[in-house]
Amino acid sequence: MEPRNVAPVKLELFVAVVRKTKAPFYSSIIRSHRVNLQLLTTASGVTHLLLNSLGLISEPKTLIAGVVREDEAQSVIDIFKEYFAKGGDYKGIAFTTELTSVIGTLVYGFLSDEKTTVKTTE
């Protein structure tokens, strides 16, 4: 039996690391591009540890991850690039990576904001 392809559009995992103060701003941009699932969490790395050990304060960062439709991914990246180019508080990094499979039609429907695959209670 051949697998049935019900996915009209592929999904990508969008990841960004931004300053904590700008996380709500960037999260709202992502939400406006048909993203139903986001995860925001505190991020720190080697630079943060090094600066703290020297008694310097580094700006807290937030990692934002979300599942974005392939047809929306480049638009989201372009908007982030535009804001990152402003510098200052707007700096950060962002990228997407392809999701190769999603198990379940309902899960796919939710993640892709595809109304035709989601059951309704009408």
C-alpha atoms as a PDB file:
ATOM      1  CA  MET A   1       0.000   0.000   0.000  1.00  0.00           C
ATOM      2  CA  GLU A   2       1.420   3.368  -1.037  1.00  0.00           C
ATOM      3  CA  PRO A   3       1.534   6.210   1.494  1.00  0.00           C
ATOM      4  CA  ARG A   4      -1.165   8.825   1.013  1.00  0.00           C
ATOM      5  CA  ASN A   5       0.081  12.405   0.769  1.00  0.00           C
ATOM      6  CA  VAL A   6      -2.485  14.742   2.365  1.00  0.00           C
ATOM      7  CA  ALA A   7      -0.060  17.625   2.863  1.00  0.00           C
ATOM      8  CA  PRO A   8      -0.779  20.405   0.358  1.00  0.00           C
ATOM      9  CA  VAL A   9       2.226  22.383   1.648  1.00  0.00           C
ATOM     10  CA  LYS A  10       5.438  21.360   3.405  1.00  0.00           C
ATOM     11  CA  LEU A  11       6.372  22.590   6.876  1.00  0.00           C
ATOM     12  CA  GLU A  12       9.611  24.050   8.199  1.00  0.00           C
ATOM     13  CA  LEU A  13      10.952  24.606  11.684  1.00  0.00           C
ATOM     14  CA  PHE A  14      11.715  28.289  12.189  1.00  0.00           C
ATOM     15  CA  VAL A  15      14.315  29.154  14.844  1.00  0.00           C
ATOM     16  CA  ALA A  16      15.429  32.614  15.979  1.00  0.00           C
ATOM     17  CA  VAL A  17      17.534  33.938  18.842  1.00  0.00           C
ATOM     18  CA  VAL A  18      16.721  37.542  19.717  1.00  0.00           C
ATOM     19  CA  ARG A  19      17.082  39.924  22.637  1.00  0.00           C
ATOM     20  CA  LYS A  20      14.623  39.149  25.399  1.00  0.00           C
ATOM     21  CA  THR A  21      13.091  42.631  25.229  1.00  0.00           C
ATOM     22  CA  LYS A  22      12.196  42.141  21.547  1.00  0.00           C
ATOM     23  CA  ALA A  23      10.843  38.581  21.834  1.00  0.00           C
ATOM     24  CA  PRO A  24       7.144  39.633  22.044  1.00  0.00           C
ATOM     25  CA  PHE A  25       7.621  41.860  18.979  1.00  0.00           C
ATOM     26  CA  TYR A  26       9.188  39.068  16.923  1.00  0.00           C
ATOM     27  CA  SER A  27       6.637  36.544  18.194  1.00  0.00           C
ATOM     28  CA  SER A  28       3.813  38.729  16.869  1.00  0.00           C
ATOM     29  CA  ILE A  29       5.481  38.842  13.447  1.00  0.00           C
ATOM     30  CA  ILE A  30       5.626  35.050  13.361  1.00  0.00           C
ATOM     31  CA  ARG A  31       1.974  34.743  14.473  1.00  0.00           C
ATOM     32  CA  SER A  32       0.892  36.942  11.563  1.00  0.00           C
ATOM     33  CA  HIS A  33       2.265  34.327   9.130  1.00  0.00           C
ATOM     34  CA  ARG A  34      -0.108  31.424   9.917  1.00  0.00           C
ATOM     35  CA  VAL A  35       2.012  29.917  12.688  1.00  0.00           C
ATOM     36  CA  ASN A  36      -0.148  28.058  15.232  1.00  0.00           C
ATOM     37  CA  LEU A  37       2.671  26.741  17.419  1.00  0.00           C
ATOM     38  CA  GLN A  38       5.548  28.709  18.962  1.00  0.00           C
ATOM     39  CA  LEU A  39       7.959  28.016  21.784  1.00  0.00           C
ATOM     40  CA  LEU A  40       9.777  30.847  23.518  1.00  0.00           C
ATOM     41  CA  THR A  41      12.485  30.036  26.033  1.00  0.00           C
ATOM     42  CA  THR A  42      15.431  31.743  27.679  1.00  0.00           C
ATOM     43  CA  ALA A  43      18.646  31.276  25.737  1.00  0.00           C
ATOM     44  CA  SER A  44      22.223  31.577  26.873  1.00  0.00           C
ATOM     45  CA  GLY A  45      25.464  30.384  25.432  1.00  0.00           C
ATOM     46  CA  VAL A  46      29.204  30.455  25.844  1.00  0.00           C
ATOM     47  CA  THR A  47      29.371  34.226  25.362  1.00  0.00           C
ATOM     48  CA  HIS A  48      26.861  34.723  28.166  1.00  0.00           C
ATOM     49  CA  LEU A  49      28.890  32.492  30.521  1.00  0.00           C
ATOM     50  CA  LEU A  50      32.163  34.184  29.576  1.00  0.00           C
ATOM     51  CA  LEU A  51      30.821  37.704  30.135  1.00  0.00           C
ATOM     52  CA  ASN A  52      29.305  36.715  33.476  1.00  0.00           C
ATOM     53  CA  SER A  53      32.591  35.189  34.632  1.00  0.00           C
ATOM     54  CA  LEU A  54      34.322  38.487  33.803  1.00  0.00           C
ATOM     55  CA  GLY A  55      31.726  40.421  35.788  1.00  0.00           C
ATOM     56  CA  LEU A  56      30.171  41.903  32.669  1.00  0.00           C
ATOM     57  CA  ILE A  57      26.483  41.838  31.956  1.00  0.00           C
ATOM     58  CA  SER A  58      25.252  40.346  28.700  1.00  0.00           C
ATOM     59  CA  GLU A  59      21.821  41.069  27.266  1.00  0.00           C
ATOM     60  CA  PRO A  60      19.387  38.189  28.006  1.00  0.00           C
ATOM     61  CA  LYS A  61      18.300  36.320  24.889  1.00  0.00           C
ATOM     62  CA  THR A  62      15.191  34.391  23.933  1.00  0.00           C
ATOM     63  CA  LEU A  63      15.028  31.423  21.595  1.00  0.00           C
ATOM     64  CA  ILE A  64      11.892  31.370  19.474  1.00  0.00           C
ATOM     65  CA  ALA A  65      10.935  28.181  17.644  1.00  0.00           C
ATOM     66  CA  GLY A  66       7.848  27.691  15.541  1.00  0.00           C
ATOM     67  CA  VAL A  67       6.461  25.552  12.761  1.00  0.00           C
ATOM     68  CA  VAL A  68       5.925  27.631   9.634  1.00  0.00           C
ATOM     69  CA  ARG A  69       4.474  26.745   6.254  1.00  0.00           C
ATOM     70  CA  GLU A  70       7.037  26.474   3.459  1.00  0.00           C
ATOM     71  CA  ASP A  71       5.162  29.113   1.439  1.00  0.00           C
ATOM     72  CA  GLU A  72       5.437  31.575   4.375  1.00  0.00           C
ATOM     73  CA  ALA A  73       8.995  30.742   5.527  1.00  0.00           C
ATOM     74  CA  GLN A  74      10.934  33.028   3.173  1.00  0.00           C
ATOM     75  CA  SER A  75       8.630  35.933   3.959  1.00  0.00           C
ATOM     76  CA  VAL A  76       9.249  35.507   7.707  1.00  0.00           C
ATOM     77  CA  ILE A  77      13.029  35.254   7.170  1.00  0.00           C
ATOM     78  CA  ASP A  78      13.001  38.397   4.988  1.00  0.00           C
ATOM     79  CA  ILE A  79      11.123  40.387   7.647  1.00  0.00           C
ATOM     80  CA  PHE A  80      13.565  39.236  10.341  1.00  0.00           C
ATOM     81  CA  LYS A  81      16.543  40.161   8.095  1.00  0.00           C
ATOM     82  CA  GLU A  82      15.075  43.622   7.602  1.00  0.00           C
ATOM     83  CA  TYR A  83      14.770  44.201  11.348  1.00  0.00           C
ATOM     84  CA  PHE A  84      18.160  42.607  12.134  1.00  0.00           C
ATOM     85  CA  ALA A  85      19.763  45.084   9.699  1.00  0.00           C
ATOM     86  CA  LYS A  86      18.561  47.953  11.924  1.00  0.00           C
ATOM     87  CA  GLY A  87      21.036  46.777  14.569  1.00  0.00           C
ATOM     88  CA  GLY A  88      20.833  47.696  18.238  1.00  0.00           C
ATOM     89  CA  ASP A  89      18.056  45.886  20.100  1.00  0.00           C
ATOM     90  CA  TYR A  90      16.837  44.337  16.851  1.00  0.00           C
ATOM     91  CA  LYS A  91      19.911  42.123  16.283  1.00  0.00           C
ATOM     92  CA  GLY A  92      19.608  38.351  16.271  1.00  0.00           C
ATOM     93  CA  ILE A  93      19.835  35.231  14.155  1.00  0.00           C
ATOM     94  CA  ALA A  94      17.101  33.293  12.364  1.00  0.00           C
ATOM     95  CA  PHE A  95      16.885  30.258  10.107  1.00  0.00           C
ATOM     96  CA  THR A  96      14.532  27.510   8.988  1.00  0.00           C
ATOM     97  CA  THR A  97      15.025  23.806   8.427  1.00  0.00           C
ATOM     98  CA  GLU A  98      12.769  21.393   6.603  1.00  0.00           C
ATOM     99  CA  LEU A  99      10.493  19.037   8.531  1.00  0.00           C
ATOM    100  CA  THR A 100      10.547  15.736   6.663  1.00  0.00           C
ATOM    101  CA  SER A 101       7.442  14.212   8.223  1.00  0.00           C
ATOM    102  CA  VAL A 102       4.545  14.958  10.524  1.00  0.00           C
ATOM    103  CA  ILE A 103       2.528  12.075  11.924  1.00  0.00           C
ATOM    104  CA  GLY A 104      -1.223  12.487  11.749  1.00  0.00           C
ATOM    105  CA  THR A 105      -3.569  14.473   9.560  1.00  0.00           C
ATOM    106  CA  LEU A 106      -4.975  16.468  12.471  1.00  0.00           C
ATOM    107  CA  VAL A 107      -1.503  17.396  13.735  1.00  0.00           C
ATOM    108  CA  TYR A 108      -0.502  18.485  10.246  1.00  0.00           C
ATOM    109  CA  GLY A 109      -3.722  20.483   9.885  1.00  0.00           C
ATOM    110  CA  PHE A 110      -3.062  22.349  13.126  1.00  0.00           C
ATOM    111  CA  LEU A 111       0.611  23.054  12.389  1.00  0.00           C
ATOM    112  CA  SER A 112      -0.032  24.165   8.814  1.00  0.00           C
ATOM    113  CA  ASP A 113      -3.151  26.199   9.633  1.00  0.00           C
ATOM    114  CA  GLU A 114      -4.838  24.111   6.925  1.00  0.00           C
ATOM    115  CA  LYS A 115      -8.549  24.246   7.727  1.00  0.00           C
ATOM    116  CA  THR A 116      -9.488  21.455   5.301  1.00  0.00           C
ATOM    117  CA  THR A 117      -7.672  18.795   7.360  1.00  0.00           C
ATOM    118  CA  VAL A 118      -8.983  19.783  10.794  1.00  0.00           C
ATOM    119  CA  LYS A 119     -12.213  18.295  12.160  1.00  0.00           C
ATOM    120  CA  THR A 120     -14.872  20.775  13.100  1.00  0.00           C
ATOM    121  CA  THR A 121     -17.650  20.345  15.674  1.00  0.00           C
ATOM    122  CA  GLU A 122     -20.457  21.722  13.520  1.00  0.00           C
END
